[in-house]
C-alpha atoms as a PDB file:
ATOM      1  CA  UNK A   1     140.619  78.713  64.880  1.00  0.00           C
ATOM      2  CA  UNK A   2     138.484  80.779  67.248  1.00  0.00           C
ATOM      3  CA  UNK A   3     135.847  79.043  69.327  1.00  0.00           C
ATOM      4  CA  UNK A   4     132.643  80.542  70.690  1.00  0.00           C
ATOM      5  CA  UNK A   5     129.959  79.241  73.079  1.00  0.00           C
ATOM      6  CA  UNK A   6     126.543  80.614  72.199  1.00  0.00           C
ATOM      7  CA  UNK A   7     123.491  80.347  74.448  1.00  0.00           C
ATOM      8  CA  UNK A   8     120.399  79.668  72.344  1.00  0.00           C
ATOM      9  CA  UNK A   9     116.929  80.558  73.595  1.00  0.00           C
ATOM     10  CA  UNK A  10     114.487  79.642  70.836  1.00  0.00           C
ATOM     11  CA  UNK A  11     111.594  80.599  73.104  1.00  0.00           C
ATOM     12  CA  UNK A  12     108.010  80.489  71.867  1.00  0.00           C
ATOM     13  CA  UNK A  13     106.011  80.354  68.666  1.00  0.00           C
ATOM     14  CA  UNK A  14     107.962  80.842  65.479  1.00  0.00           C
ATOM     15  CA  UNK A  15     111.137  81.318  67.486  1.00  0.00           C
ATOM     16  CA  UNK A  16     111.392  77.528  67.590  1.00  0.00           C
ATOM     17  CA  UNK A  17     111.192  77.409  63.781  1.00  0.00           C
ATOM     18  CA  UNK A  18     113.528  80.239  62.772  1.00  0.00           C
ATOM     19  CA  UNK A  19     116.339  79.714  65.284  1.00  0.00           C
ATOM     20  CA  UNK A  20     117.453  76.346  63.784  1.00  0.00           C
ATOM     21  CA  UNK A  21     117.671  78.073  60.389  1.00  0.00           C
ATOM     22  CA  UNK A  22     119.766  80.881  61.831  1.00  0.00           C
ATOM     23  CA  UNK A  23     122.126  78.454  63.553  1.00  0.00           C
ATOM     24  CA  UNK A  24     122.653  76.495  60.356  1.00  0.00           C
ATOM     25  CA  UNK A  25     123.379  79.602  58.281  1.00  0.00           C
ATOM     26  CA  UNK A  26     125.868  80.888  60.856  1.00  0.00           C
ATOM     27  CA  UNK A  27     127.612  77.505  60.917  1.00  0.00           C
ATOM     28  CA  UNK A  28     127.953  77.483  57.133  1.00  0.00           C
ATOM     29  CA  UNK A  29     129.139  81.087  56.975  1.00  0.00           C
ATOM     30  CA  UNK A  30     131.977  80.613  59.437  1.00  0.00           C
ATOM     31  CA  UNK A  31     132.807  76.920  58.918  1.00  0.00           C
ATOM     32  CA  UNK A  32     136.393  77.760  57.877  1.00  0.00           C
ATOM     33  CA  UNK A  33     136.822  80.727  60.238  1.00  0.00           C
ATOM     34  CA  UNK A  34     135.600  79.681  63.679  1.00  0.00           C
ATOM     35  CA  UNK A  35     133.900  76.916  65.641  1.00  0.00           C
ATOM     36  CA  UNK A  36     130.618  77.490  67.452  1.00  0.00           C
ATOM     37  CA  UNK A  37     129.243  75.435  70.309  1.00  0.00           C
ATOM     38  CA  UNK A  38     125.497  75.993  70.490  1.00  0.00           C
ATOM     39  CA  UNK A  39     123.933  75.396  73.898  1.00  0.00           C
ATOM     40  CA  UNK A  40     120.134  75.203  73.694  1.00  0.00           C
ATOM     41  CA  UNK A  41     118.246  76.445  76.753  1.00  0.00           C
ATOM     42  CA  UNK A  42     114.538  75.510  77.047  1.00  0.00           C
ATOM     43  CA  UNK A  43     113.485  78.819  78.623  1.00  0.00           C
ATOM     44  CA  UNK A  44     110.058  79.712  77.316  1.00  0.00           C
ATOM     45  CA  UNK A  45     106.376  79.936  78.165  1.00  0.00           C
ATOM     46  CA  UNK A  46     106.351  76.135  78.416  1.00  0.00           C
ATOM     47  CA  UNK A  47     109.141  76.424  80.986  1.00  0.00           C
ATOM     48  CA  UNK A  48     106.998  78.974  82.852  1.00  0.00           C
ATOM     49  CA  UNK A  49     103.992  76.658  82.893  1.00  0.00           C
ATOM     50  CA  UNK A  50     106.119  73.918  84.418  1.00  0.00           C
ATOM     51  CA  UNK A  51     108.258  75.952  86.827  1.00  0.00           C
ATOM     52  CA  UNK A  52     106.368  79.219  87.434  1.00  0.00           C
ATOM     53  CA  UNK A  53     109.176  81.322  86.007  1.00  0.00           C
ATOM     54  CA  UNK A  54     110.594  82.035  82.542  1.00  0.00           C
ATOM     55  CA  UNK A  55     114.125  80.917  83.431  1.00  0.00           C
ATOM     56  CA  UNK A  56     115.835  79.252  86.393  1.00  0.00           C
ATOM     57  CA  UNK A  57     116.757  81.294  89.443  1.00  0.00           C
ATOM     58  CA  UNK A  58     120.398  81.128  88.385  1.00  0.00           C
ATOM     59  CA  UNK A  59     119.589  81.799  84.722  1.00  0.00           C
ATOM     60  CA  UNK A  60     121.566  85.016  84.548  1.00  0.00           C
ATOM     61  CA  UNK A  61     124.541  83.334  86.199  1.00  0.00           C
ATOM     62  CA  UNK A  62     124.388  80.603  83.560  1.00  0.00           C
ATOM     63  CA  UNK A  63     124.209  83.108  80.699  1.00  0.00           C
ATOM     64  CA  UNK A  64     127.176  85.118  81.912  1.00  0.00           C
ATOM     65  CA  UNK A  65     129.585  82.339  80.909  1.00  0.00           C
ATOM     66  CA  UNK A  66     128.636  82.495  77.211  1.00  0.00           C
ATOM     67  CA  UNK A  67     130.154  84.586  74.439  1.00  0.00           C
ATOM     68  CA  UNK A  68     126.755  85.602  73.028  1.00  0.00           C
ATOM     69  CA  UNK A  69     123.038  84.941  73.376  1.00  0.00           C
ATOM     70  CA  UNK A  70     120.883  84.059  70.358  1.00  0.00           C
ATOM     71  CA  UNK A  71     117.160  84.553  70.986  1.00  0.00           C
ATOM     72  CA  UNK A  72     114.177  83.617  68.838  1.00  0.00           C
ATOM     73  CA  UNK A  73     111.040  85.118  70.376  1.00  0.00           C
ATOM     74  CA  UNK A  74     109.056  84.930  73.605  1.00  0.00           C
ATOM     75  CA  UNK A  75     105.336  85.304  74.111  1.00  0.00           C
ATOM     76  CA  UNK A  76     102.393  82.923  74.216  1.00  0.00           C
ATOM     77  CA  UNK A  77      99.263  84.951  74.954  1.00  0.00           C
ATOM     78  CA  UNK A  78      96.675  84.787  76.338  1.00  0.00           C
ATOM     79  CA  UNK A  79      97.723  81.809  78.424  1.00  0.00           C
ATOM     80  CA  UNK A  80     100.899  83.560  79.592  1.00  0.00           C
ATOM     81  CA  UNK A  81     100.561  87.378  79.657  1.00  0.00           C
ATOM     82  CA  UNK A  82     103.150  89.348  77.692  1.00  0.00           C
ATOM     83  CA  UNK A  83     104.346  91.240  80.756  1.00  0.00           C
ATOM     84  CA  UNK A  84     105.329  87.927  82.353  1.00  0.00           C
ATOM     85  CA  UNK A  85     107.315  86.701  79.355  1.00  0.00           C
ATOM     86  CA  UNK A  86     109.005  90.079  78.855  1.00  0.00           C
ATOM     87  CA  UNK A  87     109.785  90.878  82.486  1.00  0.00           C
ATOM     88  CA  UNK A  88     110.616  87.275  83.254  1.00  0.00           C
ATOM     89  CA  UNK A  89     113.261  86.810  80.558  1.00  0.00           C
ATOM     90  CA  UNK A  90     114.268  89.467  78.055  1.00  0.00           C
ATOM     91  CA  UNK A  91     114.189  92.614  80.206  1.00  0.00           C
ATOM     92  CA  UNK A  92     116.114  91.072  83.141  1.00  0.00           C
ATOM     93  CA  UNK A  93     118.840  90.028  80.681  1.00  0.00           C
ATOM     94  CA  UNK A  94     118.975  93.514  79.170  1.00  0.00           C
ATOM     95  CA  UNK A  95     119.112  95.220  82.543  1.00  0.00           C
ATOM     96  CA  UNK A  96     121.364  92.880  84.531  1.00  0.00           C
ATOM     97  CA  UNK A  97     123.883  92.549  81.695  1.00  0.00           C
ATOM     98  CA  UNK A  98     123.693  96.290  80.965  1.00  0.00           C
ATOM     99  CA  UNK A  99     122.809  95.782  77.290  1.00  0.00           C
ATOM    100  CA  UNK A 100     122.664  99.540  76.984  1.00  0.00           C
ATOM    101  CA  UNK A 101     121.973  99.941  73.262  1.00  0.00           C
ATOM    102  CA  UNK A 102     119.692  98.121  70.853  1.00  0.00           C
ATOM    103  CA  UNK A 103     120.848  98.451  67.242  1.00  0.00           C
ATOM    104  CA  UNK A 104     118.226  97.932  64.534  1.00  0.00           C
ATOM    105  CA  UNK A 105     118.937  98.395  60.813  1.00  0.00           C
ATOM    106  CA  UNK A 106     116.066  99.509  58.597  1.00  0.00           C
ATOM    107  CA  UNK A 107     116.933  98.698  54.982  1.00  0.00           C
ATOM    108  CA  UNK A 108     114.834  97.955  51.944  1.00  0.00           C
ATOM    109  CA  UNK A 109     116.484  94.921  50.405  1.00  0.00           C
ATOM    110  CA  UNK A 110     117.007  94.716  46.639  1.00  0.00           C
ATOM    111  CA  UNK A 111     114.092  92.990  44.932  1.00  0.00           C
ATOM    112  CA  UNK A 112     111.665  93.549  47.811  1.00  0.00           C
ATOM    113  CA  UNK A 113     108.611  95.658  47.033  1.00  0.00           C
ATOM    114  CA  UNK A 114     108.092  97.940  49.998  1.00  0.00           C
ATOM    115  CA  UNK A 115     104.811  99.749  50.676  1.00  0.00           C
ATOM    116  CA  UNK A 116     106.108 103.168  49.614  1.00  0.00           C
ATOM    117  CA  UNK A 117     105.507 104.104  46.003  1.00  0.00           C
ATOM    118  CA  UNK A 118     108.644 104.917  43.988  1.00  0.00           C
ATOM    119  CA  UNK A 119     111.008 104.235  46.898  1.00  0.00           C
ATOM    120  CA  UNK A 120     113.887 101.821  46.458  1.00  0.00           C
ATOM    121  CA  UNK A 121     116.843 100.538  48.492  1.00  0.00           C
ATOM    122  CA  UNK A 122     118.715 103.804  47.965  1.00  0.00           C
ATOM    123  CA  UNK A 123     115.917 105.670  49.791  1.00  0.00           C
ATOM    124  CA  UNK A 124     115.434 103.401  52.809  1.00  0.00           C
ATOM    125  CA  UNK A 125     118.739 102.782  54.560  1.00  0.00           C
ATOM    126  CA  UNK A 126     118.798 103.879  58.184  1.00  0.00           C
ATOM    127  CA  UNK A 127     120.186 102.540  61.437  1.00  0.00           C
ATOM    128  CA  UNK A 128     118.350 102.975  64.737  1.00  0.00           C
ATOM    129  CA  UNK A 129     120.208 103.148  68.044  1.00  0.00           C
ATOM    130  CA  UNK A 130     117.690 102.582  70.815  1.00  0.00           C
ATOM    131  CA  UNK A 131     118.330 103.269  74.480  1.00  0.00           C
ATOM    132  CA  UNK A 132     117.764  99.836  75.961  1.00  0.00           C
ATOM    133  CA  UNK A 133     117.738  99.782  79.778  1.00  0.00           C
ATOM    134  CA  UNK A 134     116.056 102.955  81.069  1.00  0.00           C
ATOM    135  CA  UNK A 135     113.545 105.410  79.656  1.00  0.00           C
ATOM    136  CA  UNK A 136     109.922 104.412  79.459  1.00  0.00           C
ATOM    137  CA  UNK A 137     110.735 100.739  80.092  1.00  0.00           C
ATOM    138  CA  UNK A 138     112.690 101.334  83.307  1.00  0.00           C
ATOM    139  CA  UNK A 139     109.997  99.620  85.344  1.00  0.00           C
ATOM    140  CA  UNK A 140     109.685 102.515  87.800  1.00  0.00           C
ATOM    141  CA  UNK A 141     106.161 102.975  89.095  1.00  0.00           C
ATOM    142  CA  UNK A 142     103.366 101.004  90.625  1.00  0.00           C
ATOM    143  CA  UNK A 143      99.649 100.576  91.240  1.00  0.00           C
ATOM    144  CA  UNK A 144      97.749 101.449  94.406  1.00  0.00           C
ATOM    145  CA  UNK A 145      94.165 100.916  95.526  1.00  0.00           C
ATOM    146  CA  UNK A 146      93.873  98.059  93.040  1.00  0.00           C
ATOM    147  CA  UNK A 147      90.364  96.839  92.364  1.00  0.00           C
ATOM    148  CA  UNK A 148      88.689  99.989  93.635  1.00  0.00           C
ATOM    149  CA  UNK A 149      87.330 103.056  91.874  1.00  0.00           C
ATOM    150  CA  UNK A 150      90.291 104.997  93.274  1.00  0.00           C
ATOM    151  CA  UNK A 151      92.909 102.798  91.641  1.00  0.00           C
ATOM    152  CA  UNK A 152      95.962 104.695  90.370  1.00  0.00           C
ATOM    153  CA  UNK A 153      98.799 103.506  88.128  1.00  0.00           C
ATOM    154  CA  UNK A 154     102.108 105.361  87.822  1.00  0.00           C
ATOM    155  CA  UNK A 155     104.658 104.623  85.100  1.00  0.00           C
ATOM    156  CA  UNK A 156     107.755 106.780  85.415  1.00  0.00           C
ATOM    157  CA  UNK A 157     110.361 107.306  82.702  1.00  0.00           C
ATOM    158  CA  UNK A 158     113.953 107.325  83.911  1.00  0.00           C
ATOM    159  CA  UNK A 159     116.815 109.119  82.148  1.00  0.00           C
ATOM    160  CA  UNK A 160     120.312 109.333  83.643  1.00  0.00           C
ATOM    161  CA  UNK A 161     123.064 111.490  82.170  1.00  0.00           C
ATOM    162  CA  UNK A 162     125.542 108.606  82.391  1.00  0.00           C
ATOM    163  CA  UNK A 163     123.372 106.282  80.333  1.00  0.00           C
ATOM    164  CA  UNK A 164     121.909 108.711  77.805  1.00  0.00           C
ATOM    165  CA  UNK A 165     125.361 110.106  77.136  1.00  0.00           C
ATOM    166  CA  UNK A 166     126.937 106.735  76.360  1.00  0.00           C
ATOM    167  CA  UNK A 167     124.000 105.690  74.143  1.00  0.00           C
ATOM    168  CA  UNK A 168     124.121 108.960  72.231  1.00  0.00           C
ATOM    169  CA  UNK A 169     127.896 108.738  71.867  1.00  0.00           C
ATOM    170  CA  UNK A 170     127.509 105.220  70.484  1.00  0.00           C
ATOM    171  CA  UNK A 171     125.105 106.613  67.868  1.00  0.00           C
ATOM    172  CA  UNK A 172     127.469 109.450  66.951  1.00  0.00           C
ATOM    173  CA  UNK A 173     130.335 106.968  66.479  1.00  0.00           C
ATOM    174  CA  UNK A 174     128.237 105.022  63.990  1.00  0.00           C
ATOM    175  CA  UNK A 175     127.030 108.168  62.221  1.00  0.00           C
ATOM    176  CA  UNK A 176     130.610 109.281  61.762  1.00  0.00           C
ATOM    177  CA  UNK A 177     131.337 106.010  59.934  1.00  0.00           C
ATOM    178  CA  UNK A 178     128.202 106.214  57.788  1.00  0.00           C
ATOM    179  CA  UNK A 179     126.769 109.321  56.101  1.00  0.00           C
ATOM    180  CA  UNK A 180     127.556 111.695  58.971  1.00  0.00           C
ATOM    181  CA  UNK A 181     123.997 112.576  59.884  1.00  0.00           C
ATOM    182  CA  UNK A 182     122.267 111.827  63.193  1.00  0.00           C
ATOM    183  CA  UNK A 183     118.592 112.338  64.014  1.00  0.00           C
ATOM    184  CA  UNK A 184     117.605 112.491  67.672  1.00  0.00           C
ATOM    185  CA  UNK A 185     113.983 111.585  68.437  1.00  0.00           C
ATOM    186  CA  UNK A 186     112.171 113.119  71.406  1.00  0.00           C
ATOM    187  CA  UNK A 187     108.856 114.680  72.399  1.00  0.00           C
ATOM    188  CA  UNK A 188     110.253 117.765  74.060  1.00  0.00           C
ATOM    189  CA  UNK A 189     107.194 119.922  73.503  1.00  0.00           C
ATOM    190  CA  UNK A 190     104.993 117.732  75.721  1.00  0.00           C
ATOM    191  CA  UNK A 191     107.403 115.944  78.075  1.00  0.00           C
ATOM    192  CA  UNK A 192     109.062 118.960  79.644  1.00  0.00           C
ATOM    193  CA  UNK A 193     111.692 117.277  81.838  1.00  0.00           C
ATOM    194  CA  UNK A 194     113.078 114.029  80.451  1.00  0.00           C
ATOM    195  CA  UNK A 195     112.993 114.964  76.769  1.00  0.00           C
ATOM    196  CA  UNK A 196     114.655 118.428  77.012  1.00  0.00           C
ATOM    197  CA  UNK A 197     117.276 116.704  79.175  1.00  0.00           C
ATOM    198  CA  UNK A 198     117.813 114.198  76.342  1.00  0.00           C
ATOM    199  CA  UNK A 199     118.156 117.110  73.879  1.00  0.00           C
ATOM    200  CA  UNK A 200     120.743 118.779  76.116  1.00  0.00           C
ATOM    201  CA  UNK A 201     122.832 115.601  76.315  1.00  0.00           C
ATOM    202  CA  UNK A 202     122.720 115.191  72.525  1.00  0.00           C
ATOM    203  CA  UNK A 203     123.901 118.769  72.059  1.00  0.00           C
ATOM    204  CA  UNK A 204     126.695 118.266  74.596  1.00  0.00           C
ATOM    205  CA  UNK A 205     127.972 115.095  72.903  1.00  0.00           C
ATOM    206  CA  UNK A 206     127.612 116.681  69.445  1.00  0.00           C
ATOM    207  CA  UNK A 207     130.508 119.010  70.252  1.00  0.00           C
ATOM    208  CA  UNK A 208     132.804 115.978  70.123  1.00  0.00           C
ATOM    209  CA  UNK A 209     131.630 115.201  66.560  1.00  0.00           C
ATOM    210  CA  UNK A 210     131.700 118.502  64.632  1.00  0.00           C
ATOM    211  CA  UNK A 211     131.584 116.686  61.286  1.00  0.00           C
ATOM    212  CA  UNK A 212     128.232 114.994  62.075  1.00  0.00           C
ATOM    213  CA  UNK A 213     125.088 116.965  61.233  1.00  0.00           C
ATOM    214  CA  UNK A 214     122.422 116.707  63.946  1.00  0.00           C
ATOM    215  CA  UNK A 215     118.648 117.015  63.619  1.00  0.00           C
ATOM    216  CA  UNK A 216     116.193 117.087  66.529  1.00  0.00           C
ATOM    217  CA  UNK A 217     112.812 115.678  65.468  1.00  0.00           C
ATOM    218  CA  UNK A 218     109.653 115.087  67.488  1.00  0.00           C
ATOM    219  CA  UNK A 219     108.551 111.456  67.430  1.00  0.00           C
ATOM    220  CA  UNK A 220     105.233 112.143  65.686  1.00  0.00           C
ATOM    221  CA  UNK A 221     106.956 114.188  62.995  1.00  0.00           C
ATOM    222  CA  UNK A 222     109.571 111.454  62.632  1.00  0.00           C
ATOM    223  CA  UNK A 223     106.878 108.837  62.023  1.00  0.00           C
ATOM    224  CA  UNK A 224     105.427 110.982  59.253  1.00  0.00           C
ATOM    225  CA  UNK A 225     108.849 111.710  57.745  1.00  0.00           C
ATOM    226  CA  UNK A 226     109.753 108.028  57.632  1.00  0.00           C
ATOM    227  CA  UNK A 227     106.833 107.641  55.236  1.00  0.00           C
ATOM    228  CA  UNK A 228     107.134 110.853  53.216  1.00  0.00           C
ATOM    229  CA  UNK A 229     110.918 111.312  53.057  1.00  0.00           C
ATOM    230  CA  UNK A 230     112.732 108.226  54.385  1.00  0.00           C
ATOM    231  CA  UNK A 231     115.894 109.168  52.503  1.00  0.00           C
ATOM    232  CA  UNK A 232     116.535 111.971  55.013  1.00  0.00           C
ATOM    233  CA  UNK A 233     117.359 109.490  57.803  1.00  0.00           C
ATOM    234  CA  UNK A 234     120.783 107.962  58.369  1.00  0.00           C
ATOM    235  CA  UNK A 235     121.497 107.130  62.030  1.00  0.00           C
ATOM    236  CA  UNK A 236     118.561 107.642  64.392  1.00  0.00           C
ATOM    237  CA  UNK A 237     118.862 107.655  68.178  1.00  0.00           C
ATOM    238  CA  UNK A 238     115.891 107.550  70.499  1.00  0.00           C
ATOM    239  CA  UNK A 239     114.543 106.477  73.844  1.00  0.00           C
ATOM    240  CA  UNK A 240     113.431 102.952  74.647  1.00  0.00           C
ATOM    241  CA  UNK A 241     109.771 103.504  73.728  1.00  0.00           C
ATOM    242  CA  UNK A 242     110.131 105.849  70.773  1.00  0.00           C
ATOM    243  CA  UNK A 243     112.785 103.810  68.981  1.00  0.00           C
ATOM    244  CA  UNK A 244     110.849 100.615  69.693  1.00  0.00           C
ATOM    245  CA  UNK A 245     107.752 101.957  67.966  1.00  0.00           C
ATOM    246  CA  UNK A 246     109.570 103.611  65.061  1.00  0.00           C
ATOM    247  CA  UNK A 247     111.547 100.473  64.256  1.00  0.00           C
ATOM    248  CA  UNK A 248     108.318  98.503  63.902  1.00  0.00           C
ATOM    249  CA  UNK A 249     107.323 101.151  61.388  1.00  0.00           C
ATOM    250  CA  UNK A 250     110.745 100.626  59.858  1.00  0.00           C
ATOM    251  CA  UNK A 251     110.026  96.916  59.530  1.00  0.00           C
ATOM    252  CA  UNK A 252     106.868  97.758  57.614  1.00  0.00           C
ATOM    253  CA  UNK A 253     108.898 100.007  55.301  1.00  0.00           C
ATOM    254  CA  UNK A 254     111.220  97.056  54.676  1.00  0.00           C
ATOM    255  CA  UNK A 255     108.249  95.030  53.472  1.00  0.00           C
ATOM    256  CA  UNK A 256     107.744  92.761  56.488  1.00  0.00           C
ATOM    257  CA  UNK A 257     108.437  92.547  60.211  1.00  0.00           C
ATOM    258  CA  UNK A 258     110.006  89.211  59.383  1.00  0.00           C
ATOM    259  CA  UNK A 259     113.049  91.004  57.964  1.00  0.00           C
ATOM    260  CA  UNK A 260     114.642  93.327  60.567  1.00  0.00           C
ATOM    261  CA  UNK A 261     117.185  92.043  63.116  1.00  0.00           C
ATOM    262  CA  UNK A 262     118.395  93.630  66.323  1.00  0.00           C
ATOM    263  CA  UNK A 263     121.490  93.567  68.498  1.00  0.00           C
ATOM    264  CA  UNK A 264     121.400  94.231  72.241  1.00  0.00           C
ATOM    265  CA  UNK A 265     124.971  95.343  72.937  1.00  0.00           C
ATOM    266  CA  UNK A 266     126.646  94.958  76.323  1.00  0.00           C
ATOM    267  CA  UNK A 267     128.593  97.924  77.641  1.00  0.00           C
ATOM    268  CA  UNK A 268     131.096  95.488  79.184  1.00  0.00           C
ATOM    269  CA  UNK A 269     132.767  93.408  76.445  1.00  0.00           C
ATOM    270  CA  UNK A 270     133.244  90.519  78.875  1.00  0.00           C
ATOM    271  CA  UNK A 271     129.460  90.155  79.182  1.00  0.00           C
ATOM    272  CA  UNK A 272     127.474  88.420  76.401  1.00  0.00           C
ATOM    273  CA  UNK A 273     125.430  90.595  74.059  1.00  0.00           C
ATOM    274  CA  UNK A 274     122.053  89.334  72.841  1.00  0.00           C
ATOM    275  CA  UNK A 275     120.874  89.052  69.238  1.00  0.00           C
ATOM    276  CA  UNK A 276     117.288  88.539  68.086  1.00  0.00           C
ATOM    277  CA  UNK A 277     114.853  89.297  65.258  1.00  0.00           C
ATOM    278  CA  UNK A 278     112.523  92.247  65.786  1.00  0.00           C
ATOM    279  CA  UNK A 279     109.384  90.181  65.157  1.00  0.00           C
ATOM    280  CA  UNK A 280     107.521  88.501  67.982  1.00  0.00           C
ATOM    281  CA  UNK A 281     106.472  84.909  68.509  1.00  0.00           C
ATOM    282  CA  UNK A 282     103.587  85.207  65.994  1.00  0.00           C
ATOM    283  CA  UNK A 283     101.374  82.505  67.545  1.00  0.00           C
ATOM    284  CA  UNK A 284      98.876  82.904  64.696  1.00  0.00           C
ATOM    285  CA  UNK A 285     101.304  81.281  62.232  1.00  0.00           C
ATOM    286  CA  UNK A 286     103.423  79.190  64.601  1.00  0.00           C
ATOM    287  CA  UNK A 287     103.844  75.564  63.630  1.00  0.00           C
ATOM    288  CA  UNK A 288     102.884  76.088  59.996  1.00  0.00           C
ATOM    289  CA  UNK A 289     106.422  76.294  58.611  1.00  0.00           C
ATOM    290  CA  UNK A 290     105.771  79.615  56.873  1.00  0.00           C
ATOM    291  CA  UNK A 291     107.605  82.067  59.171  1.00  0.00           C
ATOM    292  CA  UNK A 292     110.196  84.323  57.569  1.00  0.00           C
ATOM    293  CA  UNK A 293     113.651  83.363  58.936  1.00  0.00           C
ATOM    294  CA  UNK A 294     115.539  86.314  57.440  1.00  0.00           C
ATOM    295  CA  UNK A 295     115.369  88.550  60.521  1.00  0.00           C
ATOM    296  CA  UNK A 296     116.812  85.746  62.641  1.00  0.00           C
ATOM    297  CA  UNK A 297     119.506  84.939  60.088  1.00  0.00           C
ATOM    298  CA  UNK A 298     120.439  88.620  59.861  1.00  0.00           C
ATOM    299  CA  UNK A 299     120.602  88.792  63.669  1.00  0.00           C
ATOM    300  CA  UNK A 300     123.055  85.910  63.489  1.00  0.00           C
ATOM    301  CA  UNK A 301     125.189  87.985  61.135  1.00  0.00           C
ATOM    302  CA  UNK A 302     125.125  90.882  63.611  1.00  0.00           C
ATOM    303  CA  UNK A 303     126.238  88.429  66.307  1.00  0.00           C
ATOM    304  CA  UNK A 304     129.197  87.276  64.242  1.00  0.00           C
ATOM    305  CA  UNK A 305     130.170  90.878  63.563  1.00  0.00           C
ATOM    306  CA  UNK A 306     130.116  91.656  67.280  1.00  0.00           C
ATOM    307  CA  UNK A 307     132.304  88.593  67.908  1.00  0.00           C
ATOM    308  CA  UNK A 308     134.890  89.928  65.457  1.00  0.00           C
ATOM    309  CA  UNK A 309     133.933  87.659  62.539  1.00  0.00           C
ATOM    310  CA  UNK A 310     133.087  90.541  60.214  1.00  0.00           C
ATOM    311  CA  UNK A 311     133.840  88.717  56.966  1.00  0.00           C
ATOM    312  CA  UNK A 312     131.468  85.880  57.778  1.00  0.00           C
ATOM    313  CA  UNK A 313     128.833  88.396  58.872  1.00  0.00           C
ATOM    314  CA  UNK A 314     129.131  90.304  55.593  1.00  0.00           C
ATOM    315  CA  UNK A 315     128.790  87.091  53.610  1.00  0.00           C
ATOM    316  CA  UNK A 316     125.493  86.290  55.349  1.00  0.00           C
ATOM    317  CA  UNK A 317     124.097  89.748  54.570  1.00  0.00           C
ATOM    318  CA  UNK A 318     125.209  89.383  50.947  1.00  0.00           C
ATOM    319  CA  UNK A 319     123.455  86.006  50.789  1.00  0.00           C
ATOM    320  CA  UNK A 320     120.255  87.537  52.166  1.00  0.00           C
ATOM    321  CA  UNK A 321     120.488  90.294  49.567  1.00  0.00           C
ATOM    322  CA  UNK A 322     120.965  87.732  46.795  1.00  0.00           C
ATOM    323  CA  UNK A 323     117.916  85.699  47.871  1.00  0.00           C
ATOM    324  CA  UNK A 324     115.765  88.830  48.118  1.00  0.00           C
ATOM    325  CA  UNK A 325     116.981  90.165  44.774  1.00  0.00           C
ATOM    326  CA  UNK A 326     116.266  86.856  43.077  1.00  0.00           C
ATOM    327  CA  UNK A 327     112.751  86.801  44.515  1.00  0.00           C
ATOM    328  CA  UNK A 328     111.949  83.195  43.654  1.00  0.00           C
ATOM    329  CA  UNK A 329     112.277  81.810  47.205  1.00  0.00           C
ATOM    330  CA  UNK A 330     110.436  84.067  49.630  1.00  0.00           C
ATOM    331  CA  UNK A 331     107.865  83.458  52.350  1.00  0.00           C
ATOM    332  CA  UNK A 332     104.252  84.604  52.100  1.00  0.00           C
ATOM    333  CA  UNK A 333     104.789  87.860  53.986  1.00  0.00           C
ATOM    334  CA  UNK A 334     106.969  88.953  51.062  1.00  0.00           C
ATOM    335  CA  UNK A 335     104.598  87.734  48.391  1.00  0.00           C
ATOM    336  CA  UNK A 336     106.155  84.304  47.894  1.00  0.00           C
ATOM    337  CA  UNK A 337     105.088  80.775  48.742  1.00  0.00           C
ATOM    338  CA  UNK A 338     108.279  79.262  50.140  1.00  0.00           C
ATOM    339  CA  UNK A 339     108.529  77.611  53.530  1.00  0.00           C
ATOM    340  CA  UNK A 340     110.798  78.651  56.370  1.00  0.00           C
ATOM    341  CA  UNK A 341     113.176  75.801  55.600  1.00  0.00           C
ATOM    342  CA  UNK A 342     113.230  76.565  51.860  1.00  0.00           C
ATOM    343  CA  UNK A 343     114.268  80.172  52.493  1.00  0.00           C
ATOM    344  CA  UNK A 344     117.010  78.948  54.812  1.00  0.00           C
ATOM    345  CA  UNK A 345     118.227  76.530  52.151  1.00  0.00           C
ATOM    346  CA  UNK A 346     118.263  79.334  49.575  1.00  0.00           C
ATOM    347  CA  UNK A 347     120.401  81.514  51.861  1.00  0.00           C
ATOM    348  CA  UNK A 348     122.844  78.648  52.423  1.00  0.00           C
ATOM    349  CA  UNK A 349     122.998  78.047  48.666  1.00  0.00           C
ATOM    350  CA  UNK A 350     123.726  81.735  48.091  1.00  0.00           C
ATOM    351  CA  UNK A 351     126.475  81.538  50.699  1.00  0.00           C
ATOM    352  CA  UNK A 352     128.100  78.577  49.004  1.00  0.00           C
ATOM    353  CA  UNK A 353     127.863  80.307  45.612  1.00  0.00           C
ATOM    354  CA  UNK A 354     130.173  83.016  46.976  1.00  0.00           C
ATOM    355  CA  UNK A 355     133.043  80.520  47.234  1.00  0.00           C
END
């Protein structure tokens, strides 16, 4: 039986509530297939308050020894600013471990009433591939003359051919296995250097995939089209910022930001990838036991799939679908009244019913 060591960073807010649910569901799903050793790491805003940093100095060294990383959420404003939690934990992991792509499914689950009139699961089924280490979140820039009327801030986007090419190729590989359509998101009419460069790389890589249809769509037009004609999207590839924003819109189309998961995939298979829900720490509802655990559970399924446990991963997704289709055990964001724990128990029950 395979064995895996998973680093767990529950983090802040509702992360502490949904991660235990995700761990339990993963354990049940693969109880006859593999063994998982969960190692809980207390890295969070509380850790920052005590130590002045989001993780230990050797945190990345510690993480490198694990097979995967399972993250809840980080952020505890206004006490700890978001840029500290993000740049102190998640972004260093993404960059140092070269987690070059962020994969985010956008699917309307059966039984869930999305906000779009007359649109069902057959209309909303897309997969976003987000560039994850460069672009608008590269961290290139600075501020000068701070505190004076002449203060200037520069934020520079960074696009390298090496990185854009491998991210785009990753998206084409997935598109070839799905419905053979890829949409590339840019803003080439206004950003005259980085975005036309992105378009050129997409066109270059497209020659390797002649059976995949390619569409180039400006980000503002894409946002509108996701509302008016979501069925036209299959695989979508975009820069760090654009895909980040559009997948939050995608979460809304799914019915709640509590639903979508994400996978931060390492380019080097010997380095741990990181799996997390798309939602944040939601301090406004933290501690109330009403957070939706589905995004975290689904992220756990994506983790198992990346580890080669595809059957167990599929069973978790099927269990999520069954709970959503039934509709009797859902959290308040989906119109129900169930608690976080009750939804987790319903998913486990649906898993066991498959046997």
